[in-house]
Protein backbone atom coordinates (compact mmCIF):
# COMPACT_ATOMS: atom_id res chain seq x y z
CA MET A 1 -41.56 39.07 7.14
CA LYS A 2 -41.77 38.73 10.70
CA LYS A 3 -42.87 34.85 10.56
CA VAL A 4 -39.80 34.51 8.25
CA LEU A 5 -37.69 36.48 10.33
CA ILE A 6 -38.91 34.13 13.40
CA SER A 7 -38.80 31.03 11.31
CA LEU A 8 -35.45 31.67 10.10
CA ALA A 9 -34.36 32.29 13.77
CA ILE A 10 -35.87 29.10 14.98
CA THR A 11 -34.07 26.96 12.39
CA ILE A 12 -30.71 28.28 13.22
CA PHE A 13 -31.49 28.00 16.63
CA SER A 14 -32.53 24.19 15.97
CA ALA A 15 -29.80 23.35 13.81
CA THR A 16 -26.97 24.52 16.30
CA ALA A 17 -28.52 22.98 19.42
CA ILE A 18 -28.57 19.46 17.52
CA SER A 19 -25.06 20.29 16.28
CA ALA A 20 -23.89 20.68 19.72
CA GLN A 21 -25.43 17.44 20.65
CA GLY A 22 -24.03 15.68 18.10
CA ARG A 23 -20.50 15.80 19.53
CA PRO A 24 -20.18 15.60 23.29
CA GLN A 25 -17.13 17.77 24.75
CA MET A 26 -14.29 16.04 26.23
CA ASN A 27 -12.60 17.22 29.18
CA PRO A 28 -9.06 17.52 29.34
CA GLU A 29 -8.33 14.31 31.01
CA GLU A 30 -10.50 12.46 28.43
CA ILE A 31 -8.71 14.58 25.74
CA ALA A 32 -4.94 13.62 27.21
CA LYS A 33 -5.67 9.87 27.92
CA ARG A 34 -7.12 9.01 24.02
CA GLU A 35 -3.98 11.27 22.72
CA THR A 36 -1.73 9.34 25.32
CA ASP A 37 -3.15 6.09 23.83
CA ARG A 38 -2.69 6.80 20.30
CA ILE A 39 1.23 7.77 21.26
CA LYS A 40 1.43 4.15 22.88
CA GLU A 41 0.42 2.32 19.83
CA TYR A 42 2.54 4.50 17.70
CA VAL A 43 5.69 4.38 19.61
CA LYS A 44 5.34 1.63 21.26
CA LEU A 45 5.57 3.23 25.09
CA ASN A 46 6.15 1.08 28.05
CA GLU A 47 3.89 1.33 30.92
CA ASP A 48 6.45 3.69 33.01
CA GLN A 49 6.54 6.11 29.79
CA TYR A 50 2.84 5.63 28.89
CA LYS A 51 2.20 7.01 32.87
CA ARG A 52 4.75 9.95 32.51
CA VAL A 53 3.55 10.82 29.14
CA LEU A 54 -0.31 10.72 30.10
CA GLU A 55 0.63 13.03 32.85
CA VAL A 56 2.41 15.39 30.71
CA ASN A 57 -0.72 15.34 27.97
CA THR A 58 -2.98 16.07 31.07
CA GLN A 59 -1.05 19.23 32.33
CA SER A 60 -0.62 20.45 28.83
CA MET A 61 -4.20 19.93 27.88
CA LYS A 62 -5.62 21.59 31.01
CA ASN A 63 -3.48 24.66 30.34
CA ILE A 64 -4.30 25.03 26.80
CA MET A 65 -7.89 24.58 27.35
CA LYS A 66 -7.73 26.96 30.23
CA SER A 67 -5.76 29.47 27.85
CA MET A 68 -8.54 29.24 25.22
CA GLN A 69 -11.43 30.26 27.18
CA GLU A 70 -9.32 33.22 28.63
CA ARG A 71 -7.76 34.34 25.30
CA ARG A 72 -9.68 33.26 22.40
CA GLU A 73 -7.67 35.38 19.94
CA ASP A 74 -4.19 35.05 21.46
CA ARG A 75 -2.95 31.50 20.13
CA SER A 76 0.41 31.95 21.01
CA GLN A 77 0.33 30.61 24.50
CA VAL A 78 -1.11 27.25 23.01
CA VAL A 79 1.86 27.24 20.47
CA LYS A 80 3.98 27.35 23.65
CA TYR A 81 2.36 24.92 25.64
CA SER A 82 1.85 22.39 22.58
CA GLN A 83 5.72 23.08 21.79
CA GLN A 84 6.87 22.45 25.91
CA ARG A 85 4.63 19.06 25.82
CA ASP A 86 6.53 18.06 22.71
CA SER A 87 9.69 18.47 24.04
CA THR A 88 9.10 17.07 27.67
CA ILE A 89 7.51 14.17 26.02
CA LYS A 90 10.62 13.85 23.49
CA SER A 91 12.58 13.67 26.74
CA ILE A 92 10.84 10.47 28.32
CA LEU A 93 11.59 8.45 25.10
CA THR A 94 14.47 6.83 23.22
CA PRO A 95 16.05 8.04 20.66
CA ASP A 96 14.22 5.86 17.82
CA GLN A 97 10.77 6.60 19.68
CA VAL A 98 11.59 10.09 19.46
CA ALA A 99 12.02 9.36 15.50
CA LEU A 100 8.46 7.49 15.57
CA TYR A 101 6.99 10.83 17.88
CA ASP A 102 8.62 13.14 15.30
CA LYS A 103 6.75 11.27 12.38
CA TYR A 104 3.21 10.96 14.15
CA LEU A 105 3.45 14.48 15.09
CA LYS A 106 4.05 15.29 10.93
CA GLU A 107 1.14 12.96 9.99
CA ARG A 108 -1.31 14.28 12.97
CA ARG A 109 -0.61 18.10 11.51
CA ASP A 110 -0.98 16.57 7.76
CA MET A 111 -4.28 15.45 8.96
CA ARG A 112 -5.40 18.51 10.44
CA ASN A 113 -3.93 20.23 7.31
CA GLY A 114 -6.19 18.41 4.97
CA SER A 115 -3.79 15.91 3.51
CA ARG A 116 -3.57 12.31 4.44
CA PRO A 117 -0.29 10.39 5.86
CA GLY A 118 1.52 8.80 3.24
CA GLY A 119 0.83 11.38 0.47
CA PRO A 120 -2.53 12.18 -1.41
CA ARG A 121 -5.14 9.95 -2.56
């Protein structure tokens, strides 16, 4: 019985270590750049807009990650930072880009919730 428990513990530890190695943690700046690159392509940001959106995304990601580390159970702060980010980004965009950004956000939400853009397949 003792050998079985030890073997099980080693298996769980190994699986956890392997899965952690499979996907390296990104820092807030990397996450913000990747997200801003996606937004740039989707809504056709110009260079000035790109720089401003990157600043907004970087600060937002730093706030979100800090909040998640401090209060794992309380997601309300994360939602607040996300809403502030979206509002600030929309103030940088043209009206046509805002419509595209709203569509982008909806598609991202749908993907997180398990559906695909353009409806079920």
